[in-house]
Amino acid sequence: MKKEVDRVRQALDRCLQGRTCALICSGDPGIYALAGLVLESCEQRGIRVVRPQEEDVSGITGVRLEVVPGIPSLAAGASLLGAPLTHDFAAISLSDLLTPWEVIENRLEAAARADFVIVLHNPKSKKRDWQLARACEIILAQRSPNTVVGIATKAMRPGQRTRIIPLKELHLAEVGMQSVVFVGSSRSRQYLEFMFTPRGYAEKYEI
């Protein structure tokens, strides 16, 4: 963490020297990860970017770029909880390291008002211990205190665990940077040890 710019710079410099370089990150490289920073850096430096199957870039200031998809934490966490993302959802990071907190609050309020399932990334860290409680206040202004919330920590990693709680208890929950929080919509509910959000089939068909 906090070395992303250096890593991307080194990778691009090596590629411009004619070498092949891979940037490795967890989850999916295009979701809260390095693929966007690579393209932004190329734009800032005036580096031509082509796809692997396109024209030769030898002799020009250019690189070939292939973004290899992975499994994002929201998909991994959702699979452990059941099916919380079967209907529309919004993903919001609570980290204000790169995004002003005022912008994050506006997004939380809009997503809560629109009745999206809300996926919260980076809910809490040692230095950011108040943002989750504030996010809960914003969401509770639009949602029932008993709204179902799923928490997945270390999804698909050793020590993975899940928990389902009501929204009114979320501010007290044990979460960290490896946790993903799924705040249900008004349609989301718990069944046994699972959380799911109906797509609407029962309203049109006999299931």
N, C-alpha and C. Protein backbone atom coordinates (compact mmCIF):
# COMPACT_ATOMS: atom_id res chain seq x y z
N MET A 1 0.83 -1.19 0.00
CA MET A 1 0.00 0.00 0.00
C MET A 1 0.87 1.26 0.00
N LYS A 2 0.39 2.30 -0.68
CA LYS A 2 1.03 3.61 -0.78
C LYS A 2 2.31 3.57 -1.64
N LYS A 3 2.55 2.45 -2.33
CA LYS A 3 3.68 2.35 -3.24
C LYS A 3 3.21 2.10 -4.66
N GLU A 4 1.91 2.32 -4.89
CA GLU A 4 1.35 1.99 -6.20
C GLU A 4 1.99 2.79 -7.32
N VAL A 5 2.19 4.09 -7.10
CA VAL A 5 2.76 4.94 -8.15
C VAL A 5 4.17 4.48 -8.50
N ASP A 6 4.95 4.15 -7.49
CA ASP A 6 6.32 3.67 -7.75
C ASP A 6 6.30 2.37 -8.52
N ARG A 7 5.41 1.47 -8.16
CA ARG A 7 5.33 0.17 -8.84
C ARG A 7 4.96 0.35 -10.31
N VAL A 8 3.98 1.20 -10.57
CA VAL A 8 3.55 1.43 -11.95
C VAL A 8 4.66 2.10 -12.75
N ARG A 9 5.33 3.07 -12.15
CA ARG A 9 6.42 3.76 -12.84
C ARG A 9 7.52 2.79 -13.23
N GLN A 10 7.92 1.92 -12.30
CA GLN A 10 8.96 0.95 -12.59
C GLN A 10 8.54 -0.02 -13.69
N ALA A 11 7.28 -0.46 -13.64
CA ALA A 11 6.79 -1.40 -14.66
C ALA A 11 6.81 -0.75 -16.05
N LEU A 12 6.33 0.49 -16.15
CA LEU A 12 6.32 1.17 -17.44
C LEU A 12 7.73 1.41 -17.95
N ASP A 13 8.63 1.80 -17.07
CA ASP A 13 10.02 2.02 -17.49
C ASP A 13 10.62 0.74 -18.05
N ARG A 14 10.33 -0.39 -17.43
CA ARG A 14 10.87 -1.65 -17.94
C ARG A 14 10.26 -2.01 -19.29
N CYS A 15 8.96 -1.76 -19.43
CA CYS A 15 8.32 -2.05 -20.72
C CYS A 15 8.90 -1.18 -21.83
N LEU A 16 9.16 0.08 -21.52
CA LEU A 16 9.73 0.99 -22.52
C LEU A 16 11.15 0.58 -22.90
N GLN A 17 11.78 -0.24 -22.08
CA GLN A 17 13.11 -0.78 -22.40
C GLN A 17 13.01 -2.07 -23.20
N GLY A 18 11.78 -2.45 -23.57
CA GLY A 18 11.59 -3.65 -24.36
C GLY A 18 11.38 -4.92 -23.56
N ARG A 19 11.20 -4.78 -22.25
CA ARG A 19 11.01 -5.95 -21.40
C ARG A 19 9.53 -6.19 -21.13
N THR A 20 9.21 -7.42 -20.75
CA THR A 20 7.85 -7.76 -20.37
C THR A 20 7.73 -7.68 -18.86
N CYS A 21 6.69 -7.05 -18.38
CA CYS A 21 6.54 -6.86 -16.94
C CYS A 21 5.08 -7.09 -16.54
N ALA A 22 4.88 -7.74 -15.41
CA ALA A 22 3.53 -7.97 -14.88
C ALA A 22 3.36 -7.24 -13.56
N LEU A 23 2.27 -6.52 -13.43
CA LEU A 23 1.89 -5.90 -12.17
C LEU A 23 0.85 -6.80 -11.51
N ILE A 24 1.15 -7.27 -10.31
CA ILE A 24 0.27 -8.21 -9.62
C ILE A 24 -0.47 -7.49 -8.51
N CYS A 25 -1.77 -7.70 -8.45
CA CYS A 25 -2.56 -7.14 -7.35
C CYS A 25 -3.66 -8.14 -7.00
N SER A 26 -4.24 -7.98 -5.84
CA SER A 26 -5.31 -8.88 -5.44
C SER A 26 -6.61 -8.48 -6.12
N GLY A 27 -7.56 -9.40 -6.13
CA GLY A 27 -8.86 -9.11 -6.72
C GLY A 27 -8.80 -8.94 -8.22
N ASP A 28 -9.48 -7.94 -8.73
CA ASP A 28 -9.49 -7.63 -10.16
C ASP A 28 -8.70 -6.35 -10.38
N PRO A 29 -7.77 -6.32 -11.37
CA PRO A 29 -6.91 -5.15 -11.54
C PRO A 29 -7.65 -3.88 -11.95
N GLY A 30 -8.89 -4.03 -12.42
CA GLY A 30 -9.65 -2.86 -12.84
C GLY A 30 -10.62 -2.34 -11.81
N ILE A 31 -10.67 -2.98 -10.64
CA ILE A 31 -11.61 -2.57 -9.58
C ILE A 31 -10.81 -2.17 -8.35
N TYR A 32 -10.74 -0.87 -8.07
CA TYR A 32 -9.96 -0.34 -6.96
C TYR A 32 -8.51 -0.84 -7.01
N ALA A 33 -7.96 -0.95 -8.21
CA ALA A 33 -6.61 -1.53 -8.31
C ALA A 33 -5.78 -0.77 -9.34
N LEU A 34 -4.80 -1.43 -9.96
CA LEU A 34 -3.73 -0.75 -10.66
C LEU A 34 -3.97 -0.47 -12.15
N ALA A 35 -4.93 -1.10 -12.78
CA ALA A 35 -5.10 -0.91 -14.21
C ALA A 35 -5.40 0.55 -14.56
N GLY A 36 -6.22 1.20 -13.76
CA GLY A 36 -6.54 2.60 -14.02
C GLY A 36 -5.32 3.50 -13.86
N LEU A 37 -4.50 3.21 -12.85
CA LEU A 37 -3.29 4.01 -12.63
C LEU A 37 -2.30 3.83 -13.77
N VAL A 38 -2.22 2.63 -14.34
CA VAL A 38 -1.34 2.40 -15.49
C VAL A 38 -1.77 3.29 -16.66
N LEU A 39 -3.05 3.29 -16.97
CA LEU A 39 -3.54 4.09 -18.09
C LEU A 39 -3.39 5.59 -17.81
N GLU A 40 -3.66 6.00 -16.58
CA GLU A 40 -3.51 7.40 -16.22
C GLU A 40 -2.05 7.84 -16.34
N SER A 41 -1.13 6.97 -15.92
CA SER A 41 0.29 7.28 -16.02
C SER A 41 0.74 7.37 -17.48
N CYS A 42 0.24 6.47 -18.30
CA CYS A 42 0.57 6.52 -19.73
C CYS A 42 0.06 7.81 -20.35
N GLU A 43 -1.15 8.21 -19.96
CA GLU A 43 -1.72 9.47 -20.47
C GLU A 43 -0.85 10.65 -20.05
N GLN A 44 -0.44 10.68 -18.79
CA GLN A 44 0.37 11.78 -18.29
C GLN A 44 1.75 11.84 -18.95
N ARG A 45 2.31 10.69 -19.26
CA ARG A 45 3.65 10.62 -19.84
C ARG A 45 3.65 10.59 -21.36
N GLY A 46 2.46 10.55 -21.96
CA GLY A 46 2.38 10.53 -23.42
C GLY A 46 2.84 9.21 -24.01
N ILE A 47 2.62 8.12 -23.29
CA ILE A 47 3.02 6.79 -23.76
C ILE A 47 1.89 6.18 -24.58
N ARG A 48 2.21 5.75 -25.78
CA ARG A 48 1.20 5.10 -26.62
C ARG A 48 0.91 3.71 -26.07
N VAL A 49 -0.37 3.36 -25.96
CA VAL A 49 -0.78 2.07 -25.43
C VAL A 49 -1.56 1.31 -26.49
N VAL A 50 -1.17 0.07 -26.75
CA VAL A 50 -1.90 -0.77 -27.70
C VAL A 50 -2.21 -2.09 -27.03
N ARG A 51 -3.21 -2.79 -27.58
CA ARG A 51 -3.57 -4.10 -27.07
C ARG A 51 -2.58 -5.14 -27.60
N PRO A 52 -2.50 -6.30 -26.96
CA PRO A 52 -1.50 -7.29 -27.35
C PRO A 52 -1.54 -7.69 -28.82
N GLN A 53 -2.74 -7.73 -29.42
CA GLN A 53 -2.86 -8.20 -30.80
C GLN A 53 -2.71 -7.08 -31.83
N GLU A 54 -2.52 -5.84 -31.37
CA GLU A 54 -2.47 -4.72 -32.30
C GLU A 54 -1.05 -4.45 -32.78
N GLU A 55 -0.86 -3.32 -33.43
CA GLU A 55 0.37 -2.99 -34.14
C GLU A 55 1.62 -3.07 -33.27
N ASP A 56 2.74 -3.21 -33.99
CA ASP A 56 4.04 -3.26 -33.32
C ASP A 56 4.34 -1.88 -32.72
N VAL A 57 4.86 -1.88 -31.49
CA VAL A 57 5.19 -0.61 -30.84
C VAL A 57 6.69 -0.38 -30.79
N SER A 58 7.47 -1.27 -31.40
CA SER A 58 8.92 -1.08 -31.40
C SER A 58 9.26 0.17 -32.20
N GLY A 59 10.20 0.94 -31.69
CA GLY A 59 10.61 2.15 -32.38
C GLY A 59 9.81 3.37 -32.01
N ILE A 60 8.73 3.20 -31.21
CA ILE A 60 7.96 4.35 -30.75
C ILE A 60 7.84 4.27 -29.23
N THR A 61 7.46 5.38 -28.64
CA THR A 61 7.29 5.39 -27.19
C THR A 61 5.94 4.76 -26.87
N GLY A 62 5.92 3.45 -26.77
CA GLY A 62 4.66 2.76 -26.54
C GLY A 62 4.84 1.45 -25.83
N VAL A 63 3.74 0.94 -25.32
CA VAL A 63 3.73 -0.35 -24.62
C VAL A 63 2.50 -1.13 -25.03
N ARG A 64 2.61 -2.45 -24.93
CA ARG A 64 1.43 -3.31 -25.08
C ARG A 64 0.83 -3.51 -23.69
N LEU A 65 -0.48 -3.45 -23.61
CA LEU A 65 -1.15 -3.58 -22.31
C LEU A 65 -2.23 -4.64 -22.38
N GLU A 66 -2.16 -5.60 -21.47
CA GLU A 66 -3.21 -6.59 -21.33
C GLU A 66 -3.67 -6.59 -19.88
N VAL A 67 -4.95 -6.33 -19.67
CA VAL A 67 -5.52 -6.36 -18.32
C VAL A 67 -6.18 -7.73 -18.14
N VAL A 68 -5.62 -8.53 -17.25
CA VAL A 68 -6.13 -9.88 -17.02
C VAL A 68 -7.14 -9.84 -15.88
N PRO A 69 -8.40 -10.19 -16.14
CA PRO A 69 -9.42 -10.07 -15.09
C PRO A 69 -9.19 -11.06 -13.95
N GLY A 70 -9.62 -10.66 -12.78
CA GLY A 70 -9.55 -11.52 -11.61
C GLY A 70 -10.89 -11.57 -10.92
N ILE A 71 -10.91 -12.08 -9.72
CA ILE A 71 -12.15 -12.17 -8.93
C ILE A 71 -12.12 -11.06 -7.89
N PRO A 72 -12.95 -10.02 -8.04
CA PRO A 72 -12.93 -8.92 -7.06
C PRO A 72 -13.47 -9.38 -5.71
N SER A 73 -13.06 -8.68 -4.68
CA SER A 73 -13.46 -9.06 -3.32
C SER A 73 -14.97 -9.01 -3.13
N LEU A 74 -15.65 -8.12 -3.85
CA LEU A 74 -17.11 -8.06 -3.69
C LEU A 74 -17.77 -9.32 -4.24
N ALA A 75 -17.20 -9.91 -5.31
CA ALA A 75 -17.74 -11.15 -5.85
C ALA A 75 -17.40 -12.33 -4.95
N ALA A 76 -16.17 -12.35 -4.45
CA ALA A 76 -15.76 -13.43 -3.55
C ALA A 76 -16.58 -13.39 -2.26
N GLY A 77 -16.71 -12.20 -1.69
CA GLY A 77 -17.47 -12.07 -0.46
C GLY A 77 -18.95 -12.39 -0.64
N ALA A 78 -19.51 -11.96 -1.75
CA ALA A 78 -20.93 -12.23 -2.02
C ALA A 78 -21.18 -13.73 -2.13
N SER A 79 -20.25 -14.45 -2.74
CA SER A 79 -20.44 -15.89 -2.90
C SER A 79 -20.46 -16.61 -1.56
N LEU A 80 -19.68 -16.11 -0.60
CA LEU A 80 -19.66 -16.73 0.72
C LEU A 80 -20.93 -16.43 1.51
N LEU A 81 -21.48 -15.25 1.30
CA LEU A 81 -22.70 -14.86 2.02
C LEU A 81 -23.96 -15.46 1.41
N GLY A 82 -23.93 -15.75 0.13
CA GLY A 82 -25.09 -16.28 -0.57
C GLY A 82 -25.28 -15.61 -1.90
N ALA A 83 -26.19 -14.63 -1.95
CA ALA A 83 -26.45 -13.91 -3.20
C ALA A 83 -26.95 -12.50 -2.92
N PRO A 84 -26.16 -11.68 -2.23
CA PRO A 84 -26.64 -10.32 -1.91
C PRO A 84 -26.67 -9.38 -3.10
N LEU A 85 -25.98 -9.71 -4.19
CA LEU A 85 -25.87 -8.78 -5.32
C LEU A 85 -26.69 -9.22 -6.52
N THR A 86 -27.77 -9.94 -6.28
CA THR A 86 -28.60 -10.42 -7.39
C THR A 86 -29.35 -9.29 -8.08
N HIS A 87 -29.50 -8.16 -7.40
CA HIS A 87 -30.16 -7.00 -7.99
C HIS A 87 -29.18 -5.83 -7.99
N ASP A 88 -29.64 -4.65 -8.39
CA ASP A 88 -28.77 -3.48 -8.54
C ASP A 88 -28.01 -3.16 -7.26
N PHE A 89 -26.76 -2.76 -7.42
CA PHE A 89 -25.95 -2.42 -6.25
C PHE A 89 -24.95 -1.32 -6.60
N ALA A 90 -24.42 -0.69 -5.56
CA ALA A 90 -23.39 0.34 -5.71
C ALA A 90 -22.23 -0.03 -4.81
N ALA A 91 -21.02 0.14 -5.32
CA ALA A 91 -19.81 -0.13 -4.54
C ALA A 91 -19.14 1.20 -4.18
N ILE A 92 -18.86 1.38 -2.90
CA ILE A 92 -18.28 2.63 -2.40
C ILE A 92 -17.14 2.31 -1.44
N SER A 93 -16.00 2.93 -1.64
CA SER A 93 -14.89 2.78 -0.70
C SER A 93 -14.98 3.88 0.36
N LEU A 94 -14.78 3.49 1.60
CA LEU A 94 -14.79 4.46 2.69
C LEU A 94 -13.41 5.07 2.95
N SER A 95 -12.43 4.71 2.13
CA SER A 95 -11.11 5.30 2.29
C SER A 95 -11.09 6.70 1.68
N ASP A 96 -10.73 7.69 2.50
CA ASP A 96 -10.64 9.06 2.02
C ASP A 96 -9.20 9.47 1.73
N LEU A 97 -8.34 8.46 1.51
CA LEU A 97 -6.95 8.74 1.18
C LEU A 97 -6.83 9.43 -0.17
N LEU A 98 -7.64 9.01 -1.15
CA LEU A 98 -7.59 9.58 -2.50
C LEU A 98 -8.88 10.28 -2.89
N THR A 99 -9.94 10.09 -2.11
CA THR A 99 -11.24 10.69 -2.42
C THR A 99 -11.69 11.54 -1.23
N PRO A 100 -12.04 12.80 -1.43
CA PRO A 100 -12.49 13.63 -0.31
C PRO A 100 -13.69 13.01 0.41
N TRP A 101 -13.71 13.11 1.73
CA TRP A 101 -14.80 12.51 2.49
C TRP A 101 -16.15 13.10 2.10
N GLU A 102 -16.20 14.37 1.76
CA GLU A 102 -17.47 14.98 1.35
C GLU A 102 -18.05 14.28 0.13
N VAL A 103 -17.19 13.87 -0.79
CA VAL A 103 -17.64 13.15 -1.99
C VAL A 103 -18.18 11.77 -1.59
N ILE A 104 -17.48 11.11 -0.68
CA ILE A 104 -17.93 9.80 -0.22
C ILE A 104 -19.28 9.89 0.46
N GLU A 105 -19.48 10.90 1.30
CA GLU A 105 -20.77 11.09 1.96
C GLU A 105 -21.89 11.30 0.95
N ASN A 106 -21.64 12.10 -0.07
CA ASN A 106 -22.65 12.34 -1.10
C ASN A 106 -23.03 11.04 -1.82
N ARG A 107 -22.04 10.21 -2.09
CA ARG A 107 -22.30 8.95 -2.77
C ARG A 107 -23.07 7.98 -1.87
N LEU A 108 -22.73 7.96 -0.60
CA LEU A 108 -23.45 7.11 0.35
C LEU A 108 -24.91 7.52 0.44
N GLU A 109 -25.15 8.81 0.55
CA GLU A 109 -26.52 9.30 0.66
C GLU A 109 -27.33 8.98 -0.60
N ALA A 110 -26.71 9.18 -1.76
CA ALA A 110 -27.42 8.92 -3.02
C ALA A 110 -27.73 7.43 -3.19
N ALA A 111 -26.76 6.57 -2.86
CA ALA A 111 -26.98 5.13 -2.99
C ALA A 111 -28.03 4.64 -2.01
N ALA A 112 -28.00 5.17 -0.78
CA ALA A 112 -28.99 4.77 0.21
C ALA A 112 -30.39 5.22 -0.20
N ARG A 113 -30.48 6.44 -0.70
CA ARG A 113 -31.78 6.97 -1.12
C ARG A 113 -32.34 6.20 -2.32
N ALA A 114 -31.46 5.73 -3.20
CA ALA A 114 -31.89 5.01 -4.39
C ALA A 114 -32.20 3.54 -4.10
N ASP A 115 -32.01 3.11 -2.87
CA ASP A 115 -32.30 1.75 -2.43
C ASP A 115 -31.43 0.70 -3.13
N PHE A 116 -30.18 1.07 -3.43
CA PHE A 116 -29.22 0.08 -3.91
C PHE A 116 -28.76 -0.79 -2.74
N VAL A 117 -28.40 -2.04 -3.03
CA VAL A 117 -27.53 -2.75 -2.12
C VAL A 117 -26.20 -1.98 -2.15
N ILE A 118 -25.62 -1.72 -1.00
CA ILE A 118 -24.39 -0.93 -0.95
C ILE A 118 -23.24 -1.80 -0.48
N VAL A 119 -22.22 -1.90 -1.32
CA VAL A 119 -21.02 -2.65 -0.97
C VAL A 119 -19.99 -1.65 -0.46
N LEU A 120 -19.55 -1.83 0.76
CA LEU A 120 -18.57 -0.93 1.37
C LEU A 120 -17.20 -1.58 1.39
N HIS A 121 -16.26 -0.97 0.68
CA HIS A 121 -14.87 -1.41 0.71
C HIS A 121 -14.09 -0.56 1.70
N ASN A 122 -12.99 -1.09 2.19
CA ASN A 122 -12.11 -0.38 3.13
C ASN A 122 -12.91 0.26 4.27
N PRO A 123 -13.72 -0.52 4.98
CA PRO A 123 -14.61 0.06 5.98
C PRO A 123 -13.91 0.67 7.19
N LYS A 124 -12.76 0.12 7.54
CA LYS A 124 -12.09 0.63 8.74
C LYS A 124 -10.62 0.21 8.74
N SER A 125 -9.76 1.07 9.26
CA SER A 125 -8.36 0.74 9.45
C SER A 125 -7.92 1.33 10.79
N LYS A 126 -6.66 1.11 11.15
CA LYS A 126 -6.17 1.64 12.42
C LYS A 126 -6.24 3.16 12.47
N LYS A 127 -6.00 3.81 11.33
CA LYS A 127 -6.00 5.27 11.29
C LYS A 127 -7.37 5.84 10.91
N ARG A 128 -8.23 5.01 10.34
CA ARG A 128 -9.57 5.48 9.94
C ARG A 128 -10.60 4.70 10.75
N ASP A 129 -10.91 5.18 11.93
CA ASP A 129 -11.78 4.43 12.81
C ASP A 129 -13.17 5.05 13.00
N TRP A 130 -13.46 6.15 12.30
CA TRP A 130 -14.75 6.80 12.51
C TRP A 130 -15.64 6.80 11.26
N GLN A 131 -15.06 6.50 10.09
CA GLN A 131 -15.82 6.62 8.84
C GLN A 131 -16.98 5.63 8.76
N LEU A 132 -16.79 4.42 9.26
CA LEU A 132 -17.87 3.44 9.17
C LEU A 132 -19.08 3.88 9.99
N ALA A 133 -18.84 4.40 11.19
CA ALA A 133 -19.95 4.86 12.03
C ALA A 133 -20.70 5.99 11.34
N ARG A 134 -19.98 6.90 10.70
CA ARG A 134 -20.62 8.00 9.99
C ARG A 134 -21.41 7.47 8.79
N ALA A 135 -20.85 6.48 8.09
CA ALA A 135 -21.56 5.89 6.96
C ALA A 135 -22.85 5.24 7.42
N CYS A 136 -22.82 4.60 8.58
CA CYS A 136 -24.03 3.98 9.13
C CYS A 136 -25.10 5.04 9.40
N GLU A 137 -24.71 6.19 9.95
CA GLU A 137 -25.66 7.26 10.20
C GLU A 137 -26.34 7.71 8.92
N ILE A 138 -25.55 7.87 7.87
CA ILE A 138 -26.09 8.33 6.58
C ILE A 138 -27.06 7.32 6.01
N ILE A 139 -26.69 6.04 6.05
CA ILE A 139 -27.54 5.00 5.48
C ILE A 139 -28.79 4.81 6.32
N LEU A 140 -28.66 4.88 7.64
CA LEU A 140 -29.81 4.69 8.52
C LEU A 140 -30.87 5.77 8.34
N ALA A 141 -30.48 6.91 7.80
CA ALA A 141 -31.46 7.96 7.53
C ALA A 141 -32.42 7.54 6.42
N GLN A 142 -32.02 6.52 5.64
CA GLN A 142 -32.83 6.08 4.51
C GLN A 142 -33.30 4.62 4.65
N ARG A 143 -32.73 3.87 5.57
CA ARG A 143 -33.01 2.44 5.68
C ARG A 143 -33.50 2.07 7.08
N SER A 144 -34.21 0.95 7.13
CA SER A 144 -34.66 0.42 8.41
C SER A 144 -33.45 -0.03 9.24
N PRO A 145 -33.50 0.16 10.56
CA PRO A 145 -32.41 -0.32 11.42
C PRO A 145 -32.20 -1.83 11.33
N ASN A 146 -33.25 -2.54 10.91
CA ASN A 146 -33.18 -4.00 10.81
C ASN A 146 -32.77 -4.48 9.42
N THR A 147 -32.36 -3.57 8.56
CA THR A 147 -31.86 -3.95 7.24
C THR A 147 -30.75 -4.98 7.38
N VAL A 148 -30.81 -6.04 6.60
CA VAL A 148 -29.82 -7.10 6.71
C VAL A 148 -28.47 -6.63 6.15
N VAL A 149 -27.41 -6.95 6.87
CA VAL A 149 -26.05 -6.58 6.47
C VAL A 149 -25.17 -7.82 6.54
N GLY A 150 -24.43 -8.07 5.49
CA GLY A 150 -23.49 -9.19 5.47
C GLY A 150 -22.06 -8.67 5.50
N ILE A 151 -21.20 -9.35 6.24
CA ILE A 151 -19.79 -8.98 6.32
C ILE A 151 -18.95 -10.19 5.94
N ALA A 152 -18.07 -10.00 4.96
CA ALA A 152 -17.15 -11.06 4.56
C ALA A 152 -15.73 -10.56 4.78
N THR A 153 -14.95 -11.30 5.53
CA THR A 153 -13.58 -10.92 5.83
C THR A 153 -12.62 -12.00 5.33
N LYS A 154 -11.56 -11.57 4.67
CA LYS A 154 -10.56 -12.49 4.08
C LYS A 154 -11.22 -13.50 3.14
N ALA A 155 -12.12 -13.04 2.31
CA ALA A 155 -12.84 -13.94 1.41
C ALA A 155 -11.88 -14.72 0.51
N MET A 156 -12.04 -16.03 0.48
CA MET A 156 -11.24 -16.95 -0.31
C MET A 156 -9.77 -16.99 0.13
N ARG A 157 -9.51 -16.59 1.36
CA ARG A 157 -8.16 -16.64 1.91
C ARG A 157 -8.19 -17.41 3.22
N PRO A 158 -7.03 -17.85 3.69
CA PRO A 158 -7.01 -18.52 5.00
C PRO A 158 -7.61 -17.62 6.09
N GLY A 159 -8.46 -18.20 6.90
CA GLY A 159 -9.09 -17.45 7.97
C GLY A 159 -10.35 -16.71 7.55
N GLN A 160 -10.89 -17.03 6.37
CA GLN A 160 -12.09 -16.33 5.91
C GLN A 160 -13.24 -16.56 6.89
N ARG A 161 -14.09 -15.53 7.01
CA ARG A 161 -15.25 -15.65 7.89
C ARG A 161 -16.36 -14.71 7.41
N THR A 162 -17.57 -15.05 7.75
CA THR A 162 -18.72 -14.22 7.39
C THR A 162 -19.61 -14.02 8.60
N ARG A 163 -20.40 -12.97 8.52
CA ARG A 163 -21.34 -12.68 9.60
C ARG A 163 -22.50 -11.90 9.02
N ILE A 164 -23.70 -12.13 9.52
CA ILE A 164 -24.90 -11.40 9.09
C ILE A 164 -25.50 -10.73 10.32
N ILE A 165 -25.69 -9.42 10.23
CA ILE A 165 -26.19 -8.63 11.35
C ILE A 165 -27.19 -7.60 10.84
N PRO A 166 -27.97 -6.98 11.73
CA PRO A 166 -28.82 -5.86 11.32
C PRO A 166 -28.00 -4.58 11.18
N LEU A 167 -28.46 -3.69 10.36
CA LEU A 167 -27.75 -2.43 10.10
C LEU A 167 -27.49 -1.66 11.39
N LYS A 168 -28.39 -1.72 12.34
CA LYS A 168 -28.24 -0.95 13.57
C LYS A 168 -27.02 -1.39 14.39
N GLU A 169 -26.47 -2.56 14.09
CA GLU A 169 -25.30 -3.06 14.82
C GLU A 169 -24.00 -2.91 14.04
N LEU A 170 -24.08 -2.43 12.81
CA LEU A 170 -22.90 -2.40 11.96
C LEU A 170 -21.77 -1.54 12.52
N HIS A 171 -22.12 -0.41 13.15
CA HIS A 171 -21.07 0.50 13.64
C HIS A 171 -20.21 -0.13 14.73
N LEU A 172 -20.70 -1.22 15.32
CA LEU A 172 -19.95 -1.91 16.37
C LEU A 172 -19.26 -3.17 15.87
N ALA A 173 -19.45 -3.50 14.62
CA ALA A 173 -18.94 -4.76 14.08
C ALA A 173 -17.42 -4.76 13.95
N GLU A 174 -16.84 -5.95 14.07
CA GLU A 174 -15.40 -6.11 13.90
C GLU A 174 -15.09 -6.24 12.41
N VAL A 175 -14.57 -5.17 11.83
CA VAL A 175 -14.22 -5.17 10.40
C VAL A 175 -12.84 -4.53 10.24
N GLY A 176 -12.24 -4.75 9.08
CA GLY A 176 -10.94 -4.17 8.79
C GLY A 176 -10.75 -3.99 7.30
N MET A 177 -9.52 -3.77 6.88
CA MET A 177 -9.23 -3.51 5.48
C MET A 177 -9.43 -4.73 4.59
N GLN A 178 -9.50 -5.91 5.19
CA GLN A 178 -9.76 -7.12 4.41
C GLN A 178 -11.22 -7.55 4.51
N SER A 179 -12.07 -6.64 4.99
CA SER A 179 -13.50 -6.92 5.08
C SER A 179 -14.25 -6.19 3.98
N VAL A 180 -15.30 -6.82 3.48
CA VAL A 180 -16.24 -6.17 2.56
C VAL A 180 -17.62 -6.25 3.21
N VAL A 181 -18.29 -5.12 3.26
CA VAL A 181 -19.59 -5.03 3.93
C VAL A 181 -20.69 -4.89 2.87
N PHE A 182 -21.74 -5.69 3.00
CA PHE A 182 -22.87 -5.67 2.07
C PHE A 182 -24.10 -5.19 2.83
N VAL A 183 -24.48 -3.94 2.60
CA VAL A 183 -25.68 -3.37 3.23
C VAL A 183 -26.85 -3.64 2.30
N GLY A 184 -27.81 -4.41 2.76
CA GLY A 184 -28.92 -4.80 1.91
C GLY A 184 -29.82 -3.65 1.52
N SER A 185 -30.56 -3.86 0.44
CA SER A 185 -31.62 -2.92 0.05
C SER A 185 -32.87 -3.27 0.87
N SER A 186 -33.97 -2.59 0.57
CA SER A 186 -35.22 -2.89 1.28
C SER A 186 -35.73 -4.28 0.93
N ARG A 187 -35.23 -4.87 -0.17
CA ARG A 187 -35.66 -6.19 -0.61
C ARG A 187 -34.78 -7.32 -0.06
N SER A 188 -33.59 -6.99 0.37
CA SER A 188 -32.64 -8.01 0.82
C SER A 188 -33.13 -8.67 2.11
N ARG A 189 -32.79 -9.93 2.28
CA ARG A 189 -33.17 -10.60 3.52
C ARG A 189 -32.24 -11.78 3.82
N GLN A 190 -32.38 -12.27 5.03
CA GLN A 190 -31.60 -13.41 5.49
C GLN A 190 -32.47 -14.66 5.45
N TYR A 191 -31.87 -15.75 4.97
CA TYR A 191 -32.53 -17.05 5.02
C TYR A 191 -31.52 -18.03 5.60
N LEU A 192 -31.81 -18.55 6.79
CA LEU A 192 -30.87 -19.41 7.51
C LEU A 192 -29.56 -18.66 7.69
N GLU A 193 -28.46 -19.21 7.19
CA GLU A 193 -27.16 -18.55 7.35
C GLU A 193 -26.75 -17.79 6.09
N PHE A 194 -27.70 -17.49 5.22
CA PHE A 194 -27.41 -16.84 3.96
C PHE A 194 -28.11 -15.49 3.84
N MET A 195 -27.52 -14.62 3.03
CA MET A 195 -28.11 -13.32 2.69
C MET A 195 -28.37 -13.31 1.19
N PHE A 196 -29.54 -12.83 0.80
CA PHE A 196 -29.81 -12.73 -0.64
C PHE A 196 -30.74 -11.56 -0.92
N THR A 197 -30.68 -11.10 -2.16
CA THR A 197 -31.54 -10.01 -2.63
C THR A 197 -32.37 -10.52 -3.80
N PRO A 198 -33.67 -10.70 -3.63
CA PRO A 198 -34.50 -11.24 -4.71
C PRO A 198 -34.43 -10.37 -5.97
N ARG A 199 -34.39 -11.03 -7.11
CA ARG A 199 -34.36 -10.33 -8.39
C ARG A 199 -35.74 -9.89 -8.82
N GLY A 200 -36.77 -10.58 -8.32
CA GLY A 200 -38.14 -10.23 -8.68
C GLY A 200 -38.90 -11.34 -9.36
N TYR A 201 -38.32 -12.53 -9.43
CA TYR A 201 -38.97 -13.65 -10.11
C TYR A 201 -40.30 -14.01 -9.48
N ALA A 202 -40.36 -13.99 -8.15
CA ALA A 202 -41.58 -14.41 -7.47
C ALA A 202 -42.76 -13.48 -7.77
N GLU A 203 -42.47 -12.26 -8.22
CA GLU A 203 -43.52 -11.32 -8.55
C GLU A 203 -44.10 -11.55 -9.93
N LYS A 204 -43.41 -12.35 -10.76
CA LYS A 204 -43.88 -12.62 -12.12
C LYS A 204 -44.18 -14.09 -12.37
N TYR A 205 -43.50 -14.95 -11.61
CA TYR A 205 -43.63 -16.38 -11.86
C TYR A 205 -43.92 -17.13 -10.56
N GLU A 206 -44.45 -18.34 -10.71
CA GLU A 206 -44.66 -19.21 -9.56
C GLU A 206 -43.36 -20.00 -9.37
N ILE A 207 -42.68 -19.76 -8.26
CA ILE A 207 -41.41 -20.42 -8.03
C ILE A 207 -41.49 -21.43 -6.88
